N, C-alpha and C. Protein backbone atom coordinates (compact mmCIF):
# COMPACT_ATOMS: atom_id res chain seq x y z
N MET A 1 13.24 15.36 17.75
CA MET A 1 13.16 15.03 16.33
C MET A 1 14.57 14.83 15.78
N THR A 2 14.77 13.84 14.93
CA THR A 2 16.09 13.54 14.40
C THR A 2 16.48 14.51 13.30
N THR A 3 17.80 14.55 13.02
CA THR A 3 18.29 15.39 11.93
C THR A 3 17.63 15.02 10.62
N LYS A 4 17.45 13.73 10.41
CA LYS A 4 16.82 13.24 9.17
C LYS A 4 15.42 13.81 9.00
N LYS A 5 14.63 13.77 10.05
CA LYS A 5 13.26 14.31 9.97
C LYS A 5 13.27 15.83 9.82
N ASN A 6 14.22 16.48 10.49
CA ASN A 6 14.33 17.93 10.37
C ASN A 6 14.65 18.34 8.94
N ILE A 7 15.56 17.59 8.31
CA ILE A 7 15.92 17.88 6.91
C ILE A 7 14.70 17.73 6.02
N LEU A 8 13.97 16.64 6.21
CA LEU A 8 12.79 16.38 5.38
C LEU A 8 11.74 17.48 5.57
N ASN A 9 11.53 17.91 6.80
CA ASN A 9 10.55 18.97 7.06
C ASN A 9 10.96 20.29 6.41
N LEU A 10 12.26 20.60 6.45
CA LEU A 10 12.74 21.84 5.82
C LEU A 10 12.58 21.79 4.31
N LEU A 11 12.91 20.64 3.72
CA LEU A 11 12.84 20.52 2.26
C LEU A 11 11.40 20.47 1.75
N ARG A 12 10.47 20.13 2.61
CA ARG A 12 9.06 20.18 2.21
C ARG A 12 8.61 21.63 2.00
N ARG A 13 9.28 22.54 2.65
CA ARG A 13 8.90 23.96 2.55
C ARG A 13 9.60 24.67 1.40
N GLU A 14 10.88 24.31 1.17
CA GLU A 14 11.65 24.98 0.11
C GLU A 14 12.88 24.16 -0.25
N ASN A 15 13.39 24.41 -1.46
CA ASN A 15 14.62 23.75 -1.89
C ASN A 15 15.80 24.40 -1.17
N LEU A 16 16.72 23.56 -0.69
CA LEU A 16 17.87 24.07 0.07
C LEU A 16 19.15 23.36 -0.33
N SER A 17 20.25 24.08 -0.24
CA SER A 17 21.57 23.48 -0.47
C SER A 17 22.08 22.86 0.82
N VAL A 18 23.17 22.13 0.71
CA VAL A 18 23.77 21.54 1.91
C VAL A 18 24.18 22.64 2.89
N ALA A 19 24.77 23.71 2.36
CA ALA A 19 25.20 24.82 3.22
C ALA A 19 24.01 25.44 3.96
N GLN A 20 22.91 25.60 3.26
CA GLN A 20 21.72 26.18 3.89
C GLN A 20 21.13 25.27 4.95
N LEU A 21 21.17 23.97 4.69
CA LEU A 21 20.70 23.00 5.69
C LEU A 21 21.57 23.04 6.93
N CYS A 22 22.89 23.16 6.72
CA CYS A 22 23.81 23.27 7.86
C CYS A 22 23.48 24.50 8.70
N GLU A 23 23.18 25.60 8.02
CA GLU A 23 22.88 26.85 8.72
C GLU A 23 21.58 26.73 9.51
N HIS A 24 20.58 26.11 8.91
CA HIS A 24 19.28 25.95 9.58
C HIS A 24 19.39 25.06 10.81
N LEU A 25 20.16 23.97 10.68
CA LEU A 25 20.17 22.95 11.73
C LEU A 25 21.37 23.03 12.67
N GLY A 26 22.36 23.82 12.29
CA GLY A 26 23.52 23.97 13.16
C GLY A 26 24.34 22.71 13.30
N VAL A 27 24.47 21.94 12.22
CA VAL A 27 25.28 20.72 12.23
C VAL A 27 26.28 20.78 11.08
N THR A 28 27.21 19.82 11.06
CA THR A 28 28.27 19.82 10.06
C THR A 28 27.78 19.35 8.69
N ARG A 29 28.56 19.68 7.65
CA ARG A 29 28.24 19.22 6.30
C ARG A 29 28.22 17.70 6.24
N ASN A 30 29.16 17.09 6.94
CA ASN A 30 29.22 15.63 6.93
C ASN A 30 27.93 15.02 7.49
N ALA A 31 27.44 15.59 8.58
CA ALA A 31 26.20 15.08 9.19
C ALA A 31 25.02 15.24 8.23
N ILE A 32 24.98 16.37 7.52
CA ILE A 32 23.91 16.60 6.55
C ILE A 32 24.02 15.63 5.38
N ASN A 33 25.23 15.45 4.86
CA ASN A 33 25.43 14.58 3.69
C ASN A 33 25.06 13.13 3.99
N VAL A 34 25.37 12.67 5.18
CA VAL A 34 25.02 11.29 5.56
C VAL A 34 23.51 11.10 5.52
N GLN A 35 22.79 12.05 6.08
CA GLN A 35 21.33 11.94 6.13
C GLN A 35 20.71 12.10 4.74
N LEU A 36 21.28 12.99 3.93
CA LEU A 36 20.76 13.19 2.57
C LEU A 36 20.91 11.93 1.72
N LYS A 37 22.04 11.24 1.88
CA LYS A 37 22.25 10.00 1.13
C LYS A 37 21.20 8.96 1.51
N GLN A 38 20.89 8.88 2.79
CA GLN A 38 19.87 7.93 3.24
C GLN A 38 18.49 8.31 2.69
N LEU A 39 18.18 9.59 2.72
CA LEU A 39 16.89 10.05 2.22
C LEU A 39 16.77 9.84 0.71
N GLU A 40 17.88 10.02 -0.01
CA GLU A 40 17.87 9.76 -1.46
C GLU A 40 17.66 8.28 -1.73
N ALA A 41 18.33 7.43 -0.96
CA ALA A 41 18.20 5.98 -1.14
C ALA A 41 16.77 5.52 -0.88
N GLU A 42 16.09 6.19 0.02
CA GLU A 42 14.70 5.85 0.35
C GLU A 42 13.70 6.48 -0.63
N GLY A 43 14.22 7.27 -1.57
CA GLY A 43 13.35 7.90 -2.56
C GLY A 43 12.56 9.07 -2.03
N LEU A 44 13.03 9.67 -0.95
CA LEU A 44 12.28 10.77 -0.32
C LEU A 44 12.75 12.15 -0.75
N VAL A 45 14.03 12.27 -1.12
CA VAL A 45 14.54 13.55 -1.61
C VAL A 45 15.36 13.31 -2.87
N ARG A 46 15.61 14.39 -3.60
CA ARG A 46 16.46 14.29 -4.79
C ARG A 46 17.25 15.57 -4.94
N SER A 47 18.36 15.46 -5.65
CA SER A 47 19.24 16.59 -5.90
C SER A 47 18.93 17.17 -7.28
N VAL A 48 18.87 18.48 -7.38
CA VAL A 48 18.66 19.15 -8.67
C VAL A 48 19.68 20.27 -8.81
N ARG A 49 19.98 20.60 -10.06
CA ARG A 49 20.92 21.68 -10.33
C ARG A 49 20.16 22.95 -10.69
N VAL A 50 20.53 24.04 -10.06
CA VAL A 50 19.85 25.31 -10.29
C VAL A 50 20.88 26.34 -10.75
N LYS A 51 20.60 26.96 -11.90
CA LYS A 51 21.52 27.97 -12.42
C LYS A 51 21.48 29.21 -11.53
N ARG A 52 22.67 29.66 -11.14
CA ARG A 52 22.76 30.83 -10.27
C ARG A 52 22.70 32.10 -11.09
N SER A 53 21.76 32.94 -10.79
CA SER A 53 21.54 34.17 -11.56
C SER A 53 22.77 35.07 -11.55
N GLY A 54 23.24 35.43 -12.76
CA GLY A 54 24.35 36.36 -12.89
C GLY A 54 25.71 35.78 -12.59
N LEU A 55 25.79 34.48 -12.31
CA LEU A 55 27.06 33.86 -11.96
C LEU A 55 27.45 32.82 -13.00
N LEU A 56 28.74 32.76 -13.29
CA LEU A 56 29.26 31.77 -14.21
C LEU A 56 29.60 30.49 -13.45
N GLY A 57 29.83 29.43 -14.21
CA GLY A 57 30.27 28.19 -13.58
C GLY A 57 29.15 27.18 -13.43
N LYS A 58 29.49 26.14 -12.73
CA LYS A 58 28.58 25.01 -12.55
C LYS A 58 27.33 25.41 -11.76
N PRO A 59 26.14 24.98 -12.22
CA PRO A 59 24.91 25.29 -11.46
C PRO A 59 24.99 24.74 -10.04
N ALA A 60 24.36 25.43 -9.13
CA ALA A 60 24.38 25.02 -7.72
C ALA A 60 23.48 23.81 -7.51
N ALA A 61 23.91 22.93 -6.62
CA ALA A 61 23.11 21.75 -6.28
C ALA A 61 22.24 22.07 -5.07
N VAL A 62 20.95 21.83 -5.23
CA VAL A 62 20.03 21.99 -4.10
C VAL A 62 19.22 20.71 -3.96
N TYR A 63 18.61 20.55 -2.83
CA TYR A 63 17.81 19.35 -2.57
C TYR A 63 16.35 19.72 -2.42
N GLN A 64 15.50 18.78 -2.84
CA GLN A 64 14.05 18.97 -2.72
C GLN A 64 13.40 17.63 -2.44
N THR A 65 12.20 17.66 -1.91
CA THR A 65 11.50 16.40 -1.68
C THR A 65 11.10 15.79 -3.02
N ALA A 66 11.15 14.47 -3.10
CA ALA A 66 10.81 13.76 -4.32
C ALA A 66 9.29 13.73 -4.52
N PRO A 67 8.84 13.69 -5.78
CA PRO A 67 7.40 13.57 -6.03
C PRO A 67 6.82 12.32 -5.38
N HIS A 68 5.60 12.40 -4.91
CA HIS A 68 4.87 11.29 -4.29
C HIS A 68 5.40 10.90 -2.91
N SER A 69 6.25 11.75 -2.32
CA SER A 69 6.78 11.43 -0.99
C SER A 69 6.02 12.15 0.12
N GLU A 70 5.00 12.91 -0.26
CA GLU A 70 4.31 13.78 0.70
C GLU A 70 3.71 13.02 1.88
N ASP A 71 3.19 11.85 1.62
CA ASP A 71 2.46 11.13 2.67
C ASP A 71 3.18 9.88 3.16
N VAL A 72 4.49 9.82 2.91
CA VAL A 72 5.21 8.58 3.23
C VAL A 72 5.16 8.23 4.71
N HIS A 73 5.09 9.23 5.57
CA HIS A 73 5.03 8.98 7.01
C HIS A 73 3.64 9.23 7.59
N SER A 74 2.66 9.28 6.71
CA SER A 74 1.30 9.60 7.15
C SER A 74 0.70 8.47 8.00
N ARG A 75 0.00 8.86 9.04
CA ARG A 75 -0.75 7.91 9.86
C ARG A 75 -2.26 8.12 9.68
N ALA A 76 -2.62 8.85 8.64
CA ALA A 76 -4.02 9.23 8.46
C ALA A 76 -4.85 8.16 7.76
N TYR A 77 -4.21 7.25 7.01
CA TYR A 77 -4.98 6.37 6.14
C TYR A 77 -5.94 5.45 6.88
N GLN A 78 -5.48 4.80 7.93
CA GLN A 78 -6.36 3.86 8.64
C GLN A 78 -7.57 4.57 9.25
N PRO A 79 -7.38 5.65 10.02
CA PRO A 79 -8.57 6.32 10.55
C PRO A 79 -9.44 6.94 9.45
N PHE A 80 -8.81 7.38 8.37
CA PHE A 80 -9.57 7.95 7.26
C PHE A 80 -10.46 6.90 6.62
N VAL A 81 -9.88 5.72 6.33
CA VAL A 81 -10.65 4.64 5.70
C VAL A 81 -11.75 4.15 6.64
N ALA A 82 -11.42 4.00 7.93
CA ALA A 82 -12.42 3.55 8.89
C ALA A 82 -13.59 4.53 8.96
N SER A 83 -13.28 5.82 8.96
CA SER A 83 -14.32 6.85 9.01
C SER A 83 -15.16 6.83 7.74
N LEU A 84 -14.50 6.65 6.60
CA LEU A 84 -15.21 6.61 5.32
C LEU A 84 -16.16 5.42 5.25
N ILE A 85 -15.66 4.23 5.65
CA ILE A 85 -16.50 3.04 5.61
C ILE A 85 -17.68 3.17 6.57
N ALA A 86 -17.41 3.70 7.77
CA ALA A 86 -18.49 3.88 8.75
C ALA A 86 -19.57 4.83 8.21
N THR A 87 -19.14 5.89 7.55
CA THR A 87 -20.08 6.86 7.00
C THR A 87 -20.92 6.25 5.88
N VAL A 88 -20.25 5.55 4.97
CA VAL A 88 -20.96 4.95 3.83
C VAL A 88 -21.90 3.84 4.30
N SER A 89 -21.42 3.00 5.23
CA SER A 89 -22.26 1.90 5.70
C SER A 89 -23.49 2.40 6.45
N GLY A 90 -23.39 3.61 7.02
CA GLY A 90 -24.54 4.20 7.69
C GLY A 90 -25.61 4.67 6.72
N ARG A 91 -25.23 4.82 5.46
CA ARG A 91 -26.16 5.30 4.44
C ARG A 91 -26.69 4.17 3.56
N LEU A 92 -25.95 3.05 3.50
CA LEU A 92 -26.34 1.94 2.64
C LEU A 92 -26.79 0.74 3.46
N GLY A 93 -27.58 -0.12 2.85
CA GLY A 93 -27.94 -1.38 3.48
C GLY A 93 -26.77 -2.34 3.42
N GLU A 94 -26.86 -3.45 4.16
CA GLU A 94 -25.76 -4.41 4.22
C GLU A 94 -25.41 -4.96 2.84
N GLU A 95 -26.43 -5.31 2.05
CA GLU A 95 -26.18 -5.88 0.73
C GLU A 95 -25.50 -4.88 -0.19
N GLU A 96 -25.96 -3.63 -0.16
CA GLU A 96 -25.35 -2.60 -0.99
C GLU A 96 -23.92 -2.33 -0.56
N MET A 97 -23.69 -2.30 0.75
CA MET A 97 -22.35 -2.04 1.26
C MET A 97 -21.39 -3.14 0.85
N THR A 98 -21.84 -4.38 0.93
CA THR A 98 -21.00 -5.51 0.51
C THR A 98 -20.62 -5.37 -0.95
N GLU A 99 -21.57 -4.98 -1.79
CA GLU A 99 -21.30 -4.82 -3.21
C GLU A 99 -20.31 -3.70 -3.46
N VAL A 100 -20.45 -2.58 -2.74
CA VAL A 100 -19.52 -1.46 -2.89
C VAL A 100 -18.10 -1.89 -2.54
N LEU A 101 -17.95 -2.62 -1.43
CA LEU A 101 -16.63 -3.06 -0.99
C LEU A 101 -16.05 -4.10 -1.95
N HIS A 102 -16.91 -4.98 -2.48
CA HIS A 102 -16.45 -5.94 -3.49
C HIS A 102 -15.90 -5.20 -4.70
N GLN A 103 -16.63 -4.18 -5.13
CA GLN A 103 -16.18 -3.42 -6.29
C GLN A 103 -14.86 -2.70 -6.01
N ALA A 104 -14.68 -2.22 -4.78
CA ALA A 104 -13.42 -1.59 -4.40
C ALA A 104 -12.27 -2.59 -4.51
N GLY A 105 -12.51 -3.83 -4.06
CA GLY A 105 -11.50 -4.86 -4.16
C GLY A 105 -11.19 -5.23 -5.60
N ARG A 106 -12.23 -5.28 -6.42
CA ARG A 106 -12.03 -5.58 -7.85
C ARG A 106 -11.20 -4.48 -8.51
N HIS A 107 -11.50 -3.25 -8.14
CA HIS A 107 -10.74 -2.12 -8.67
C HIS A 107 -9.27 -2.22 -8.25
N LEU A 108 -9.04 -2.59 -7.00
CA LEU A 108 -7.68 -2.76 -6.50
C LEU A 108 -6.92 -3.80 -7.31
N ALA A 109 -7.57 -4.91 -7.65
CA ALA A 109 -6.94 -5.96 -8.44
C ALA A 109 -6.60 -5.46 -9.84
N ARG A 110 -7.51 -4.71 -10.44
CA ARG A 110 -7.24 -4.19 -11.78
C ARG A 110 -6.10 -3.17 -11.76
N GLN A 111 -6.08 -2.34 -10.74
CA GLN A 111 -5.02 -1.34 -10.62
C GLN A 111 -3.65 -1.98 -10.40
N ALA A 112 -3.64 -3.17 -9.81
CA ALA A 112 -2.38 -3.87 -9.53
C ALA A 112 -1.76 -4.46 -10.78
N GLY A 113 -2.50 -4.45 -11.89
CA GLY A 113 -1.97 -4.98 -13.15
C GLY A 113 -1.82 -6.48 -13.16
N LEU A 114 -2.70 -7.18 -12.47
CA LEU A 114 -2.61 -8.64 -12.43
C LEU A 114 -2.92 -9.21 -13.81
N PRO A 115 -2.24 -10.31 -14.19
CA PRO A 115 -2.41 -10.87 -15.54
C PRO A 115 -3.82 -11.40 -15.77
N PRO A 116 -4.48 -10.97 -16.86
CA PRO A 116 -5.84 -11.45 -17.14
C PRO A 116 -5.86 -12.86 -17.71
N GLU A 117 -4.72 -13.28 -18.27
CA GLU A 117 -4.64 -14.60 -18.88
C GLU A 117 -3.84 -15.54 -18.00
N GLY A 118 -3.92 -16.84 -18.33
CA GLY A 118 -3.16 -17.84 -17.59
C GLY A 118 -4.04 -18.74 -16.76
N GLY A 119 -3.44 -19.78 -16.22
CA GLY A 119 -4.17 -20.73 -15.40
C GLY A 119 -4.50 -20.18 -14.03
N PHE A 120 -5.37 -20.89 -13.33
CA PHE A 120 -5.80 -20.45 -12.00
C PHE A 120 -4.63 -20.32 -11.04
N ASP A 121 -3.74 -21.31 -11.02
CA ASP A 121 -2.62 -21.28 -10.08
C ASP A 121 -1.75 -20.05 -10.30
N ALA A 122 -1.49 -19.72 -11.57
CA ALA A 122 -0.65 -18.55 -11.87
C ALA A 122 -1.33 -17.26 -11.42
N LYS A 123 -2.64 -17.18 -11.65
CA LYS A 123 -3.38 -15.99 -11.23
C LYS A 123 -3.39 -15.85 -9.71
N LEU A 124 -3.59 -16.97 -9.02
CA LEU A 124 -3.63 -16.93 -7.56
C LEU A 124 -2.27 -16.55 -6.99
N LYS A 125 -1.21 -17.09 -7.59
CA LYS A 125 0.14 -16.76 -7.13
C LYS A 125 0.41 -15.27 -7.27
N ALA A 126 0.01 -14.70 -8.41
CA ALA A 126 0.21 -13.27 -8.63
C ALA A 126 -0.60 -12.45 -7.63
N ALA A 127 -1.82 -12.90 -7.34
CA ALA A 127 -2.69 -12.18 -6.41
C ALA A 127 -2.13 -12.20 -4.99
N THR A 128 -1.64 -13.36 -4.55
CA THR A 128 -1.09 -13.44 -3.19
C THR A 128 0.20 -12.63 -3.08
N LYS A 129 0.94 -12.55 -4.17
CA LYS A 129 2.17 -11.74 -4.16
C LYS A 129 1.82 -10.26 -3.94
N VAL A 130 0.76 -9.80 -4.61
CA VAL A 130 0.32 -8.41 -4.42
C VAL A 130 -0.17 -8.21 -2.99
N ALA A 131 -0.96 -9.15 -2.48
CA ALA A 131 -1.47 -9.05 -1.11
C ALA A 131 -0.32 -8.98 -0.11
N ASP A 132 0.71 -9.80 -0.32
CA ASP A 132 1.86 -9.80 0.58
C ASP A 132 2.62 -8.47 0.51
N SER A 133 2.66 -7.88 -0.69
CA SER A 133 3.35 -6.59 -0.83
C SER A 133 2.62 -5.48 -0.08
N LEU A 134 1.34 -5.71 0.22
CA LEU A 134 0.55 -4.73 0.96
C LEU A 134 0.60 -4.95 2.47
N GLY A 135 1.34 -5.99 2.89
CA GLY A 135 1.48 -6.24 4.32
C GLY A 135 0.92 -7.55 4.80
N ALA A 136 0.36 -8.35 3.89
CA ALA A 136 -0.19 -9.65 4.28
C ALA A 136 0.92 -10.70 4.33
N THR A 137 0.61 -11.84 4.95
CA THR A 137 1.50 -13.01 4.92
C THR A 137 0.61 -14.20 4.58
N THR A 138 0.39 -14.39 3.30
CA THR A 138 -0.62 -15.35 2.84
C THR A 138 -0.12 -16.79 2.81
N GLN A 139 -1.08 -17.68 3.00
CA GLN A 139 -0.85 -19.12 2.91
C GLN A 139 -2.02 -19.70 2.11
N VAL A 140 -1.72 -20.55 1.14
CA VAL A 140 -2.76 -21.16 0.31
C VAL A 140 -2.94 -22.61 0.72
N LEU A 141 -4.16 -22.97 1.07
CA LEU A 141 -4.49 -24.33 1.50
C LEU A 141 -5.48 -24.92 0.50
N LYS A 142 -5.14 -26.07 -0.05
CA LYS A 142 -6.00 -26.69 -1.06
C LYS A 142 -7.06 -27.56 -0.40
N GLU A 143 -8.28 -27.46 -0.92
CA GLU A 143 -9.39 -28.28 -0.46
C GLU A 143 -10.02 -28.98 -1.66
N ALA A 144 -10.97 -29.86 -1.40
CA ALA A 144 -11.53 -30.70 -2.46
C ALA A 144 -12.16 -29.89 -3.58
N ASN A 145 -12.92 -28.87 -3.25
CA ASN A 145 -13.64 -28.10 -4.27
C ASN A 145 -13.18 -26.65 -4.37
N GLY A 146 -11.96 -26.39 -3.90
CA GLY A 146 -11.44 -25.04 -3.98
C GLY A 146 -10.17 -24.87 -3.18
N VAL A 147 -9.82 -23.63 -2.90
CA VAL A 147 -8.65 -23.33 -2.09
C VAL A 147 -9.03 -22.27 -1.05
N VAL A 148 -8.28 -22.28 0.04
CA VAL A 148 -8.45 -21.26 1.08
C VAL A 148 -7.19 -20.41 1.11
N VAL A 149 -7.36 -19.11 1.02
CA VAL A 149 -6.25 -18.18 1.19
C VAL A 149 -6.34 -17.64 2.61
N ARG A 150 -5.32 -17.93 3.40
CA ARG A 150 -5.32 -17.52 4.80
C ARG A 150 -4.18 -16.53 5.02
N ASN A 151 -4.42 -15.56 5.86
CA ASN A 151 -3.43 -14.53 6.13
C ASN A 151 -3.44 -14.21 7.62
N TYR A 152 -2.25 -14.22 8.22
CA TYR A 152 -2.14 -14.00 9.67
C TYR A 152 -1.68 -12.57 10.00
N SER A 153 -1.63 -11.70 9.00
CA SER A 153 -1.19 -10.33 9.23
C SER A 153 -2.09 -9.39 8.44
N CYS A 154 -3.23 -9.06 8.98
CA CYS A 154 -4.23 -8.25 8.27
C CYS A 154 -3.68 -6.85 7.98
N PRO A 155 -3.55 -6.47 6.71
CA PRO A 155 -2.99 -5.16 6.37
C PRO A 155 -3.86 -3.99 6.83
N ILE A 156 -5.15 -4.24 7.05
CA ILE A 156 -6.05 -3.16 7.50
C ILE A 156 -6.73 -3.56 8.81
N GLY A 157 -5.96 -4.18 9.68
CA GLY A 157 -6.49 -4.72 10.92
C GLY A 157 -7.24 -3.71 11.77
N THR A 158 -6.69 -2.49 11.90
CA THR A 158 -7.34 -1.47 12.71
C THR A 158 -8.71 -1.12 12.15
N VAL A 159 -8.80 -1.05 10.82
CA VAL A 159 -10.08 -0.75 10.17
C VAL A 159 -11.06 -1.89 10.39
N VAL A 160 -10.59 -3.13 10.22
CA VAL A 160 -11.46 -4.30 10.33
C VAL A 160 -12.04 -4.43 11.73
N ARG A 161 -11.25 -4.13 12.75
CA ARG A 161 -11.77 -4.25 14.13
C ARG A 161 -12.94 -3.30 14.36
N ASN A 162 -12.92 -2.16 13.69
CA ASN A 162 -14.02 -1.20 13.83
C ASN A 162 -15.14 -1.45 12.82
N GLU A 163 -14.77 -1.89 11.63
CA GLU A 163 -15.73 -2.11 10.54
C GLU A 163 -15.44 -3.46 9.89
N PRO A 164 -15.96 -4.56 10.45
CA PRO A 164 -15.68 -5.91 9.93
C PRO A 164 -16.03 -6.08 8.45
N CYS A 165 -16.96 -5.29 7.95
CA CYS A 165 -17.35 -5.42 6.54
C CYS A 165 -16.19 -5.11 5.60
N ALA A 166 -15.14 -4.45 6.10
CA ALA A 166 -13.99 -4.11 5.25
C ALA A 166 -13.31 -5.35 4.68
N CYS A 167 -13.51 -6.50 5.32
CA CYS A 167 -12.93 -7.75 4.81
C CYS A 167 -13.43 -8.07 3.41
N GLN A 168 -14.59 -7.53 3.05
CA GLN A 168 -15.16 -7.79 1.74
C GLN A 168 -14.31 -7.20 0.61
N ILE A 169 -13.47 -6.24 0.95
CA ILE A 169 -12.60 -5.65 -0.07
C ILE A 169 -11.67 -6.72 -0.66
N MET A 170 -11.04 -7.51 0.21
CA MET A 170 -10.13 -8.54 -0.29
C MET A 170 -10.87 -9.70 -0.93
N ALA A 171 -12.12 -9.91 -0.54
CA ALA A 171 -12.92 -10.93 -1.22
C ALA A 171 -13.11 -10.52 -2.68
N GLY A 172 -13.43 -9.26 -2.90
CA GLY A 172 -13.56 -8.75 -4.26
C GLY A 172 -12.24 -8.79 -5.01
N PHE A 173 -11.15 -8.50 -4.29
CA PHE A 173 -9.81 -8.53 -4.90
C PHE A 173 -9.49 -9.92 -5.44
N PHE A 174 -9.65 -10.94 -4.60
CA PHE A 174 -9.31 -12.30 -5.03
C PHE A 174 -10.28 -12.81 -6.09
N SER A 175 -11.52 -12.37 -6.05
CA SER A 175 -12.48 -12.77 -7.06
C SER A 175 -12.09 -12.21 -8.43
N GLU A 176 -11.75 -10.94 -8.46
CA GLU A 176 -11.33 -10.31 -9.72
C GLU A 176 -10.03 -10.92 -10.22
N ALA A 177 -9.10 -11.18 -9.31
CA ALA A 177 -7.78 -11.69 -9.69
C ALA A 177 -7.84 -13.10 -10.25
N THR A 178 -8.73 -13.92 -9.73
CA THR A 178 -8.79 -15.33 -10.14
C THR A 178 -9.95 -15.65 -11.07
N GLY A 179 -10.93 -14.77 -11.14
CA GLY A 179 -12.11 -15.04 -11.96
C GLY A 179 -13.06 -16.04 -11.34
N GLN A 180 -12.92 -16.26 -10.04
CA GLN A 180 -13.76 -17.25 -9.34
C GLN A 180 -14.54 -16.60 -8.20
N ALA A 181 -15.60 -17.29 -7.79
CA ALA A 181 -16.39 -16.82 -6.65
C ALA A 181 -15.58 -16.96 -5.36
N VAL A 182 -15.68 -15.98 -4.49
CA VAL A 182 -14.91 -15.97 -3.24
C VAL A 182 -15.86 -15.74 -2.07
N ILE A 183 -15.68 -16.54 -1.02
CA ILE A 183 -16.47 -16.40 0.20
C ILE A 183 -15.55 -15.95 1.33
N GLU A 184 -15.90 -14.85 1.96
CA GLU A 184 -15.11 -14.34 3.09
C GLU A 184 -15.41 -15.15 4.34
N GLN A 185 -14.35 -15.68 4.98
CA GLN A 185 -14.50 -16.50 6.19
C GLN A 185 -13.55 -16.02 7.29
N CYS A 186 -13.32 -14.72 7.38
CA CYS A 186 -12.32 -14.19 8.30
C CYS A 186 -12.71 -14.43 9.76
N GLN A 187 -11.67 -14.64 10.58
CA GLN A 187 -11.86 -14.84 12.02
C GLN A 187 -11.47 -13.55 12.73
N ARG A 188 -12.42 -12.96 13.43
CA ARG A 188 -12.19 -11.67 14.07
C ARG A 188 -12.41 -11.80 15.57
N GLU A 189 -11.41 -12.39 16.23
CA GLU A 189 -11.48 -12.56 17.68
C GLU A 189 -10.34 -11.78 18.31
N ASP A 190 -9.61 -12.38 19.25
CA ASP A 190 -8.46 -11.68 19.82
C ASP A 190 -7.43 -11.35 18.75
N ARG A 191 -7.15 -12.35 17.91
CA ARG A 191 -6.24 -12.17 16.78
C ARG A 191 -7.05 -12.25 15.49
N LEU A 192 -6.72 -11.38 14.57
CA LEU A 192 -7.39 -11.40 13.27
C LEU A 192 -6.71 -12.40 12.35
N VAL A 193 -7.51 -13.26 11.75
CA VAL A 193 -7.02 -14.19 10.73
C VAL A 193 -7.89 -14.01 9.50
N CYS A 194 -7.30 -13.48 8.44
CA CYS A 194 -8.05 -13.30 7.19
C CYS A 194 -8.17 -14.66 6.51
N GLN A 195 -9.34 -14.96 6.00
CA GLN A 195 -9.53 -16.25 5.33
C GLN A 195 -10.58 -16.11 4.23
N TYR A 196 -10.20 -16.54 3.04
CA TYR A 196 -11.09 -16.45 1.88
C TYR A 196 -11.12 -17.79 1.16
N PHE A 197 -12.33 -18.31 1.00
CA PHE A 197 -12.50 -19.58 0.28
C PHE A 197 -12.81 -19.27 -1.18
N ILE A 198 -11.98 -19.79 -2.07
CA ILE A 198 -12.17 -19.60 -3.51
C ILE A 198 -12.72 -20.90 -4.08
N ARG A 199 -13.96 -20.86 -4.50
CA ARG A 199 -14.61 -22.05 -5.05
C ARG A 199 -14.21 -22.20 -6.51
N LEU A 200 -13.73 -23.37 -6.88
CA LEU A 200 -13.29 -23.61 -8.24
C LEU A 200 -14.39 -24.22 -9.07
N ASP A 201 -14.67 -23.59 -10.22
CA ASP A 201 -15.60 -24.24 -11.15
C ASP A 201 -14.82 -25.21 -12.02
N SER A 202 -15.50 -25.93 -12.88
CA SER A 202 -14.85 -26.98 -13.67
C SER A 202 -13.77 -26.43 -14.58
N SER A 203 -13.99 -25.25 -15.17
CA SER A 203 -12.99 -24.68 -16.08
C SER A 203 -11.72 -24.30 -15.33
N ALA A 204 -11.88 -23.77 -14.11
CA ALA A 204 -10.71 -23.40 -13.31
C ALA A 204 -9.93 -24.63 -12.90
N SER A 205 -10.64 -25.71 -12.57
CA SER A 205 -9.97 -26.95 -12.17
C SER A 205 -9.11 -27.47 -13.30
N GLN A 206 -9.58 -27.32 -14.54
CA GLN A 206 -8.82 -27.78 -15.69
C GLN A 206 -7.61 -26.90 -15.95
N GLN A 207 -7.69 -25.62 -15.52
CA GLN A 207 -6.59 -24.69 -15.75
C GLN A 207 -5.51 -24.80 -14.69
N LYS A 208 -5.77 -25.48 -13.59
CA LYS A 208 -4.79 -25.57 -12.50
C LYS A 208 -3.51 -26.19 -13.01
N GLY A 209 -2.41 -25.64 -12.46
CA GLY A 209 -1.11 -26.13 -12.86
C GLY A 209 -0.61 -25.42 -14.07
């Protein structure tokens, strides 16, 4: 295990000063400071000042893990989601499951703060930007009566290979983001290729551009 990971593990248990970290890990202050700067830059730890009881002078600096950093290195999400979807799909029919996953995608779009106003192109651009931030590499292909959003890097590929219905989540996402009907056309063979056809109605066609 690296010094960086050791520091993070120690700070998850308690707040420590540089001197205390040196004592725990048996390394120099310089080695600790280098790693702390990297961890601070990554938003994983932060420095706080603590008043020393009964002592005058400047409060002591100690380090602690930053809020919301608890699961930054977690590998639990993919198996957790796959297990959850498998459990729910075992209790619901196909139509109900599709609706649940669509609603999950719609919720994801709303949580992303996508703009409710604007033309179709602007909405689609914002939606693909969010998808890319989640690990996708989207490409938009225009067709006569709509557009195809294609992605060659499925952000939930491990889940999809076990539970193909998970693709419906992004169908709901793009539907909510653009206000248009979306048909999932993903290719699930040796390589996963996400593909969603967004059918444009007459009002959306007028809003393009």
